[in-house]
Amino acid sequence: MPREFSRNRRVGEQIQRELAQIIPHHITLDKSLLVTVSAVEISPDFQQAKVYVTVLGETMNHADVVKWLNQHASAVRYALAHSLNLRSTPTVRFVYDQSVENGAYLNQLINQAVQLENH
């Protein structure tokens, strides 16, 4: 079983690297948006890939970007199939990664607590 986990992780990391190249070059988004692939989770049978993305930019909110990416997931999967050396390419589903926002919120809370402590 540990071998499967290792391969699962390696495939997820490879898909993450490939998607970092595919999304800006093959998918037309607003030029002021920056979409970053933060993680990829692969199902044990390698048929599903959950892709966590973060979105930086002012023109679209993250829900609209994720919806748009999911609408174009078949084009992303097609481009991914040509760049990976796998027997079958997993189905791609995009999910917004809230860890950056959560980290910023926690940092804000810590700063407020420090300010209260100093006054």
C-alpha atoms as a PDB file:
ATOM      1  CA  MET A   1       0.000   0.000   0.000  1.00  0.00           C
ATOM      2  CA  PRO A   2       2.760   2.591   0.683  1.00  0.00           C
ATOM      3  CA  ARG A   3       3.916   2.213  -2.910  1.00  0.00           C
ATOM      4  CA  GLU A   4       0.481   3.274  -4.197  1.00  0.00           C
ATOM      5  CA  PHE A   5       0.542   6.339  -1.973  1.00  0.00           C
ATOM      6  CA  SER A   6       3.954   7.287  -3.275  1.00  0.00           C
ATOM      7  CA  ARG A   7       2.859   6.902  -6.898  1.00  0.00           C
ATOM      8  CA  ASN A   8      -0.388   8.701  -6.153  1.00  0.00           C
ATOM      9  CA  ARG A   9       1.521  11.644  -4.702  1.00  0.00           C
ATOM     10  CA  ARG A  10       4.021  11.715  -7.575  1.00  0.00           C
ATOM     11  CA  VAL A  11       1.243  11.700 -10.194  1.00  0.00           C
ATOM     12  CA  GLY A  12      -0.557  14.492  -8.329  1.00  0.00           C
ATOM     13  CA  GLU A  13       2.609  16.588  -8.249  1.00  0.00           C
ATOM     14  CA  GLN A  14       3.209  15.978 -11.961  1.00  0.00           C
ATOM     15  CA  ILE A  15      -0.359  17.000 -12.779  1.00  0.00           C
ATOM     16  CA  GLN A  16       0.095  20.128 -10.651  1.00  0.00           C
ATOM     17  CA  ARG A  17       3.237  21.097 -12.591  1.00  0.00           C
ATOM     18  CA  GLU A  18       1.572  20.455 -15.947  1.00  0.00           C
ATOM     19  CA  LEU A  19      -1.572  22.392 -15.044  1.00  0.00           C
ATOM     20  CA  ALA A  20       0.563  25.345 -13.983  1.00  0.00           C
ATOM     21  CA  GLN A  21       1.730  25.464 -17.609  1.00  0.00           C
ATOM     22  CA  ILE A  22      -1.580  24.557 -19.265  1.00  0.00           C
ATOM     23  CA  ILE A  23      -3.939  27.008 -17.553  1.00  0.00           C
ATOM     24  CA  PRO A  24      -2.176  30.265 -18.500  1.00  0.00           C
ATOM     25  CA  HIS A  25      -1.305  29.121 -22.037  1.00  0.00           C
ATOM     26  CA  HIS A  26      -4.367  27.160 -23.170  1.00  0.00           C
ATOM     27  CA  ILE A  27      -7.243  28.668 -21.207  1.00  0.00           C
ATOM     28  CA  THR A  28      -8.299  32.243 -21.980  1.00  0.00           C
ATOM     29  CA  LEU A  29      -8.783  34.174 -18.774  1.00  0.00           C
ATOM     30  CA  ASP A  30      -8.687  37.850 -17.992  1.00  0.00           C
ATOM     31  CA  LYS A  31      -5.028  38.934 -18.143  1.00  0.00           C
ATOM     32  CA  SER A  32      -5.310  40.664 -14.759  1.00  0.00           C
ATOM     33  CA  LEU A  33      -6.159  37.347 -13.046  1.00  0.00           C
ATOM     34  CA  LEU A  34      -3.558  35.014 -11.653  1.00  0.00           C
ATOM     35  CA  VAL A  35      -4.732  31.440 -11.179  1.00  0.00           C
ATOM     36  CA  THR A  36      -2.359  29.258  -9.185  1.00  0.00           C
ATOM     37  CA  VAL A  37      -2.661  25.503  -8.766  1.00  0.00           C
ATOM     38  CA  SER A  38      -1.896  24.943  -5.091  1.00  0.00           C
ATOM     39  CA  ALA A  39      -2.503  21.180  -4.824  1.00  0.00           C
ATOM     40  CA  VAL A  40      -3.886  18.169  -6.642  1.00  0.00           C
ATOM     41  CA  GLU A  41      -5.554  15.177  -5.000  1.00  0.00           C
ATOM     42  CA  ILE A  42      -5.788  12.008  -7.066  1.00  0.00           C
ATOM     43  CA  SER A  43      -8.313   9.258  -6.351  1.00  0.00           C
ATOM     44  CA  PRO A  44      -6.805   5.826  -5.577  1.00  0.00           C
ATOM     45  CA  ASP A  45      -7.867   4.511  -9.000  1.00  0.00           C
ATOM     46  CA  PHE A  46      -6.324   7.560 -10.777  1.00  0.00           C
ATOM     47  CA  GLN A  47      -9.650   8.378 -12.467  1.00  0.00           C
ATOM     48  CA  GLN A  48     -10.452  11.646 -10.623  1.00  0.00           C
ATOM     49  CA  ALA A  49      -8.261  14.663  -9.900  1.00  0.00           C
ATOM     50  CA  LYS A  50      -9.394  17.375  -7.511  1.00  0.00           C
ATOM     51  CA  VAL A  51      -7.405  20.502  -8.369  1.00  0.00           C
ATOM     52  CA  TYR A  52      -7.151  23.214  -5.706  1.00  0.00           C
ATOM     53  CA  VAL A  53      -6.661  26.691  -7.147  1.00  0.00           C
ATOM     54  CA  THR A  54      -6.158  30.154  -5.721  1.00  0.00           C
ATOM     55  CA  VAL A  55      -7.195  33.273  -7.602  1.00  0.00           C
ATOM     56  CA  LEU A  56      -5.587  36.684  -7.370  1.00  0.00           C
ATOM     57  CA  GLY A  57      -7.125  39.608  -9.175  1.00  0.00           C
ATOM     58  CA  GLU A  58      -9.870  42.161  -8.945  1.00  0.00           C
ATOM     59  CA  THR A  59     -11.896  41.546 -12.099  1.00  0.00           C
ATOM     60  CA  MET A  60     -13.664  38.264 -11.166  1.00  0.00           C
ATOM     61  CA  ASN A  61     -14.456  36.636  -7.869  1.00  0.00           C
ATOM     62  CA  HIS A  62     -13.040  33.207  -7.134  1.00  0.00           C
ATOM     63  CA  ALA A  63     -16.396  31.408  -7.463  1.00  0.00           C
ATOM     64  CA  ASP A  64     -16.809  32.649 -11.045  1.00  0.00           C
ATOM     65  CA  VAL A  65     -13.250  31.648 -11.950  1.00  0.00           C
ATOM     66  CA  VAL A  66     -13.693  28.136 -10.516  1.00  0.00           C
ATOM     67  CA  LYS A  67     -17.029  27.778 -12.315  1.00  0.00           C
ATOM     68  CA  TRP A  68     -15.430  28.913 -15.561  1.00  0.00           C
ATOM     69  CA  LEU A  69     -12.509  26.494 -15.111  1.00  0.00           C
ATOM     70  CA  ASN A  70     -14.895  23.610 -14.449  1.00  0.00           C
ATOM     71  CA  GLN A  71     -16.829  24.493 -17.602  1.00  0.00           C
ATOM     72  CA  HIS A  72     -13.567  24.170 -19.553  1.00  0.00           C
ATOM     73  CA  ALA A  73     -12.300  21.097 -17.662  1.00  0.00           C
ATOM     74  CA  SER A  74     -12.566  18.895 -20.753  1.00  0.00           C
ATOM     75  CA  ALA A  75     -10.175  21.180 -22.672  1.00  0.00           C
ATOM     76  CA  VAL A  76      -7.807  21.137 -19.703  1.00  0.00           C
ATOM     77  CA  ARG A  77      -8.006  17.337 -19.548  1.00  0.00           C
ATOM     78  CA  TYR A  78      -7.309  17.104 -23.292  1.00  0.00           C
ATOM     79  CA  ALA A  79      -4.190  19.285 -22.967  1.00  0.00           C
ATOM     80  CA  LEU A  80      -3.156  17.339 -19.872  1.00  0.00           C
ATOM     81  CA  ALA A  81      -3.476  14.036 -21.740  1.00  0.00           C
ATOM     82  CA  HIS A  82      -0.964  15.243 -24.325  1.00  0.00           C
ATOM     83  CA  SER A  83       1.590  16.269 -21.697  1.00  0.00           C
ATOM     84  CA  LEU A  84       1.353  13.264 -19.362  1.00  0.00           C
ATOM     85  CA  ASN A  85       2.583   9.755 -19.953  1.00  0.00           C
ATOM     86  CA  LEU A  86      -0.305   7.930 -18.251  1.00  0.00           C
ATOM     87  CA  ARG A  87      -2.521   5.094 -19.442  1.00  0.00           C
ATOM     88  CA  SER A  88      -5.601   7.208 -18.807  1.00  0.00           C
ATOM     89  CA  THR A  89      -5.944  10.859 -17.896  1.00  0.00           C
ATOM     90  CA  PRO A  90      -8.019  11.603 -14.799  1.00  0.00           C
ATOM     91  CA  THR A  91     -11.157  13.699 -14.929  1.00  0.00           C
ATOM     92  CA  VAL A  92     -10.321  17.164 -13.611  1.00  0.00           C
ATOM     93  CA  ARG A  93     -12.486  19.047 -11.113  1.00  0.00           C
ATOM     94  CA  PHE A  94     -11.454  22.486  -9.868  1.00  0.00           C
ATOM     95  CA  VAL A  95     -12.012  23.598  -6.268  1.00  0.00           C
ATOM     96  CA  TYR A  96     -11.157  26.931  -4.662  1.00  0.00           C
ATOM     97  CA  ASP A  97      -8.375  26.649  -2.070  1.00  0.00           C
ATOM     98  CA  GLN A  98      -9.288  28.798   0.918  1.00  0.00           C
ATOM     99  CA  SER A  99      -6.045  28.171   2.803  1.00  0.00           C
ATOM    100  CA  VAL A 100      -4.525  31.476   1.642  1.00  0.00           C
ATOM    101  CA  GLU A 101      -7.556  33.448   2.845  1.00  0.00           C
ATOM    102  CA  ASN A 102      -7.648  31.473   6.097  1.00  0.00           C
ATOM    103  CA  GLY A 103      -3.950  32.179   6.669  1.00  0.00           C
ATOM    104  CA  ALA A 104      -4.440  35.911   6.031  1.00  0.00           C
ATOM    105  CA  TYR A 105      -7.392  35.974   8.416  1.00  0.00           C
ATOM    106  CA  LEU A 106      -5.410  34.201  11.152  1.00  0.00           C
ATOM    107  CA  ASN A 107      -2.520  36.594  10.605  1.00  0.00           C
ATOM    108  CA  GLN A 108      -4.921  39.534  10.998  1.00  0.00           C
ATOM    109  CA  LEU A 109      -6.274  38.071  14.249  1.00  0.00           C
ATOM    110  CA  ILE A 110      -2.759  37.588  15.610  1.00  0.00           C
ATOM    111  CA  ASN A 111      -1.825  41.164  14.727  1.00  0.00           C
ATOM    112  CA  GLN A 112      -4.962  42.457  16.477  1.00  0.00           C
ATOM    113  CA  ALA A 113      -4.138  40.414  19.580  1.00  0.00           C
ATOM    114  CA  VAL A 114      -0.573  41.750  19.626  1.00  0.00           C
ATOM    115  CA  GLN A 115      -1.852  45.324  19.310  1.00  0.00           C
ATOM    116  CA  LEU A 116      -4.273  44.805  22.189  1.00  0.00           C
ATOM    117  CA  GLU A 117      -1.467  43.329  24.281  1.00  0.00           C
ATOM    118  CA  ASN A 118       0.788  46.334  23.604  1.00  0.00           C
ATOM    119  CA  HIS A 119      -1.886  48.885  24.588  1.00  0.00           C
END
